[in-house]
């Protein structure tokens, strides 16, 4: 797979933090940015799949019942 350069504009504080992290990890700024891009793309692909699964379940009429929803709400109410 080939690579392609592009520019990203961000504030100096973020660049300094990125450079500090790169130095701590003995990696380049470019490496860390590519890792972040990979993680972002993986996260969005995962979220997209979950949404599609939810829509498919809803279209098939599969929904959580009242008892299950009550259990879920109570779980997070106590947290």
N, C-alpha and C. Protein backbone atom coordinates (compact mmCIF):
# COMPACT_ATOMS: atom_id res chain seq x y z
N UNK A 1 0.85 -1.17 0.00
CA UNK A 1 0.00 0.00 0.00
C UNK A 1 0.89 1.23 0.00
N UNK A 2 0.61 2.16 -0.86
CA UNK A 2 1.38 3.39 -0.94
C UNK A 2 0.98 4.38 0.13
N UNK A 3 1.78 5.39 0.28
CA UNK A 3 1.46 6.43 1.24
C UNK A 3 1.21 7.74 0.51
N UNK A 4 0.53 8.63 1.18
CA UNK A 4 0.23 9.94 0.62
C UNK A 4 0.36 10.97 1.73
N UNK A 5 1.00 12.05 1.43
CA UNK A 5 1.18 13.13 2.41
C UNK A 5 -0.02 14.07 2.38
N UNK A 6 -0.37 14.58 3.55
CA UNK A 6 -1.37 15.64 3.65
C UNK A 6 -1.06 16.47 4.89
N UNK A 7 -1.60 17.65 4.94
CA UNK A 7 -1.32 18.56 6.06
C UNK A 7 -2.49 18.60 7.02
N UNK A 8 -2.15 18.80 8.28
CA UNK A 8 -3.17 18.97 9.31
C UNK A 8 -2.81 20.21 10.10
N UNK A 9 -3.77 21.07 10.30
CA UNK A 9 -3.53 22.27 11.09
C UNK A 9 -4.15 22.06 12.47
N UNK A 10 -3.36 22.34 13.49
CA UNK A 10 -3.85 22.25 14.86
C UNK A 10 -3.10 23.26 15.71
N UNK A 11 -3.52 23.43 16.93
CA UNK A 11 -2.87 24.43 17.77
C UNK A 11 -1.52 23.93 18.29
N UNK A 12 -0.69 24.88 18.67
CA UNK A 12 0.69 24.58 19.11
C UNK A 12 0.72 23.66 20.32
N UNK A 13 -0.24 23.84 21.22
CA UNK A 13 -0.27 23.03 22.44
C UNK A 13 -0.38 21.54 22.08
N UNK A 14 -1.24 21.23 21.14
CA UNK A 14 -1.40 19.83 20.73
C UNK A 14 -0.14 19.29 20.07
N UNK A 15 0.50 20.11 19.28
CA UNK A 15 1.74 19.69 18.61
C UNK A 15 2.82 19.41 19.66
N UNK A 16 2.93 20.29 20.65
CA UNK A 16 3.91 20.08 21.71
C UNK A 16 3.61 18.80 22.49
N UNK A 17 2.33 18.57 22.79
CA UNK A 17 1.96 17.34 23.51
C UNK A 17 2.27 16.11 22.67
N UNK A 18 1.99 16.20 21.39
CA UNK A 18 2.27 15.08 20.48
C UNK A 18 3.77 14.80 20.40
N UNK A 19 4.55 15.86 20.28
CA UNK A 19 6.00 15.70 20.23
C UNK A 19 6.56 15.12 21.53
N UNK A 20 6.01 15.54 22.66
CA UNK A 20 6.44 15.00 23.95
C UNK A 20 6.13 13.51 24.04
N UNK A 21 4.94 13.14 23.62
CA UNK A 21 4.55 11.73 23.62
C UNK A 21 5.42 10.92 22.68
N UNK A 22 5.70 11.46 21.52
CA UNK A 22 6.55 10.77 20.54
C UNK A 22 7.93 10.53 21.13
N UNK A 23 8.45 11.52 21.80
CA UNK A 23 9.78 11.37 22.42
C UNK A 23 9.75 10.32 23.52
N UNK A 24 8.71 10.35 24.35
CA UNK A 24 8.58 9.37 25.44
C UNK A 24 8.51 7.94 24.90
N UNK A 25 7.85 7.78 23.77
CA UNK A 25 7.66 6.44 23.20
C UNK A 25 8.73 6.09 22.18
N UNK A 26 9.67 6.99 21.97
CA UNK A 26 10.72 6.80 20.98
C UNK A 26 10.12 6.48 19.61
N UNK A 27 9.11 7.27 19.26
CA UNK A 27 8.42 7.15 17.97
C UNK A 27 8.39 8.51 17.30
N UNK A 28 8.05 8.51 16.04
CA UNK A 28 7.93 9.78 15.33
C UNK A 28 6.52 10.34 15.50
N UNK A 29 6.41 11.64 15.27
CA UNK A 29 5.09 12.28 15.27
C UNK A 29 4.20 11.60 14.22
N UNK A 30 4.76 11.32 13.07
CA UNK A 30 4.03 10.69 11.99
C UNK A 30 3.46 9.32 12.42
N UNK A 31 4.27 8.54 13.12
CA UNK A 31 3.82 7.23 13.58
C UNK A 31 2.61 7.38 14.49
N UNK A 32 2.69 8.29 15.46
CA UNK A 32 1.59 8.47 16.41
C UNK A 32 0.32 8.96 15.72
N UNK A 33 0.47 9.87 14.77
CA UNK A 33 -0.70 10.37 14.04
C UNK A 33 -1.34 9.23 13.24
N UNK A 34 -0.53 8.39 12.62
CA UNK A 34 -1.08 7.26 11.87
C UNK A 34 -1.77 6.27 12.80
N UNK A 35 -1.22 6.05 13.99
CA UNK A 35 -1.88 5.18 14.96
C UNK A 35 -3.24 5.75 15.36
N UNK A 36 -3.29 7.04 15.57
CA UNK A 36 -4.55 7.70 15.95
C UNK A 36 -5.57 7.59 14.82
N UNK A 37 -5.13 7.78 13.59
CA UNK A 37 -6.04 7.66 12.44
C UNK A 37 -6.57 6.24 12.35
N UNK A 38 -5.69 5.24 12.50
CA UNK A 38 -6.13 3.84 12.46
C UNK A 38 -7.18 3.56 13.53
N UNK A 39 -6.94 4.04 14.74
CA UNK A 39 -7.89 3.82 15.83
C UNK A 39 -9.23 4.50 15.56
N UNK A 40 -9.19 5.70 15.03
CA UNK A 40 -10.42 6.43 14.70
C UNK A 40 -11.22 5.67 13.65
N UNK A 41 -10.54 5.21 12.59
CA UNK A 41 -11.24 4.49 11.53
C UNK A 41 -11.81 3.17 12.01
N UNK A 42 -11.05 2.45 12.87
CA UNK A 42 -11.54 1.20 13.44
C UNK A 42 -12.76 1.43 14.31
N UNK A 43 -12.72 2.48 15.13
CA UNK A 43 -13.84 2.80 16.01
C UNK A 43 -15.10 3.10 15.20
N UNK A 44 -14.95 3.91 14.17
CA UNK A 44 -16.12 4.26 13.37
C UNK A 44 -16.65 3.06 12.59
N UNK A 45 -15.78 2.18 12.13
CA UNK A 45 -16.24 0.96 11.45
C UNK A 45 -17.00 0.08 12.43
N UNK A 46 -16.49 -0.04 13.67
CA UNK A 46 -17.16 -0.85 14.69
C UNK A 46 -18.54 -0.25 15.01
N UNK A 47 -18.59 1.08 15.20
CA UNK A 47 -19.86 1.74 15.50
C UNK A 47 -20.85 1.56 14.36
N UNK A 48 -20.38 1.69 13.14
CA UNK A 48 -21.24 1.53 11.97
C UNK A 48 -21.85 0.12 11.93
N UNK A 49 -21.04 -0.89 12.23
CA UNK A 49 -21.55 -2.26 12.26
C UNK A 49 -22.59 -2.44 13.35
N UNK A 50 -22.36 -1.87 14.54
CA UNK A 50 -23.34 -1.99 15.63
C UNK A 50 -24.65 -1.33 15.24
N UNK A 51 -24.59 -0.18 14.60
CA UNK A 51 -25.81 0.52 14.18
C UNK A 51 -26.56 -0.32 13.16
N UNK A 52 -25.83 -0.88 12.18
CA UNK A 52 -26.47 -1.72 11.17
C UNK A 52 -27.12 -2.94 11.80
N UNK A 53 -26.45 -3.54 12.79
CA UNK A 53 -27.03 -4.70 13.50
C UNK A 53 -28.29 -4.29 14.25
N UNK A 54 -28.26 -3.12 14.88
CA UNK A 54 -29.43 -2.63 15.60
C UNK A 54 -30.60 -2.36 14.68
N UNK A 55 -30.34 -1.77 13.54
CA UNK A 55 -31.40 -1.50 12.57
C UNK A 55 -31.98 -2.81 12.05
N UNK A 56 -31.10 -3.77 11.77
CA UNK A 56 -31.56 -5.08 11.29
C UNK A 56 -32.44 -5.75 12.34
N UNK A 57 -32.04 -5.70 13.60
CA UNK A 57 -32.85 -6.29 14.68
C UNK A 57 -34.18 -5.58 14.81
N UNK A 58 -34.16 -4.25 14.74
CA UNK A 58 -35.40 -3.48 14.85
C UNK A 58 -36.33 -3.80 13.68
N UNK A 59 -35.77 -3.90 12.48
CA UNK A 59 -36.59 -4.24 11.32
C UNK A 59 -37.21 -5.62 11.46
N UNK A 60 -36.52 -6.51 12.18
CA UNK A 60 -37.05 -7.86 12.40
C UNK A 60 -37.98 -7.91 13.60
N UNK A 61 -38.18 -6.77 14.27
CA UNK A 61 -39.10 -6.71 15.39
C UNK A 61 -38.49 -7.16 16.71
N UNK A 62 -37.17 -7.28 16.76
CA UNK A 62 -36.51 -7.71 18.01
C UNK A 62 -36.15 -6.47 18.83
N UNK A 63 -36.85 -6.31 19.92
CA UNK A 63 -36.63 -5.18 20.83
C UNK A 63 -36.48 -5.70 22.25
N UNK A 64 -35.83 -4.94 23.10
CA UNK A 64 -35.75 -5.28 24.51
C UNK A 64 -37.12 -5.07 25.14
N UNK A 65 -37.50 -5.98 25.99
CA UNK A 65 -38.78 -5.87 26.68
C UNK A 65 -38.68 -4.93 27.87
N UNK A 66 -39.82 -4.67 28.50
CA UNK A 66 -39.88 -3.74 29.63
C UNK A 66 -39.01 -4.20 30.80
N UNK A 67 -39.02 -5.50 31.10
CA UNK A 67 -38.24 -6.03 32.21
C UNK A 67 -36.75 -5.85 31.95
N UNK A 68 -36.33 -6.15 30.75
CA UNK A 68 -34.91 -6.00 30.40
C UNK A 68 -34.48 -4.54 30.44
N UNK A 69 -35.32 -3.64 29.95
CA UNK A 69 -34.98 -2.22 29.97
C UNK A 69 -34.92 -1.70 31.40
N UNK A 70 -35.82 -2.15 32.26
CA UNK A 70 -35.80 -1.75 33.66
C UNK A 70 -34.49 -2.19 34.32
N UNK A 71 -34.06 -3.41 34.03
CA UNK A 71 -32.81 -3.94 34.57
C UNK A 71 -31.62 -3.08 34.11
N UNK A 72 -31.60 -2.71 32.85
CA UNK A 72 -30.52 -1.90 32.31
C UNK A 72 -30.52 -0.52 32.92
N UNK A 73 -31.67 0.12 33.01
CA UNK A 73 -31.76 1.46 33.61
C UNK A 73 -31.29 1.43 35.06
N UNK A 74 -31.72 0.43 35.82
CA UNK A 74 -31.33 0.31 37.22
C UNK A 74 -29.85 0.08 37.38
N UNK A 75 -29.27 -0.66 36.46
CA UNK A 75 -27.82 -0.92 36.49
C UNK A 75 -27.03 0.39 36.43
N UNK A 76 -27.44 1.28 35.57
CA UNK A 76 -26.71 2.54 35.38
C UNK A 76 -27.13 3.61 36.37
N UNK A 77 -28.32 3.48 36.92
CA UNK A 77 -28.78 4.44 37.92
C UNK A 77 -27.94 4.32 39.19
N UNK A 78 -27.53 3.10 39.51
CA UNK A 78 -26.76 2.84 40.72
C UNK A 78 -25.27 3.15 40.53
N UNK A 79 -24.82 3.29 39.30
CA UNK A 79 -23.38 3.51 39.05
C UNK A 79 -22.93 4.89 39.38
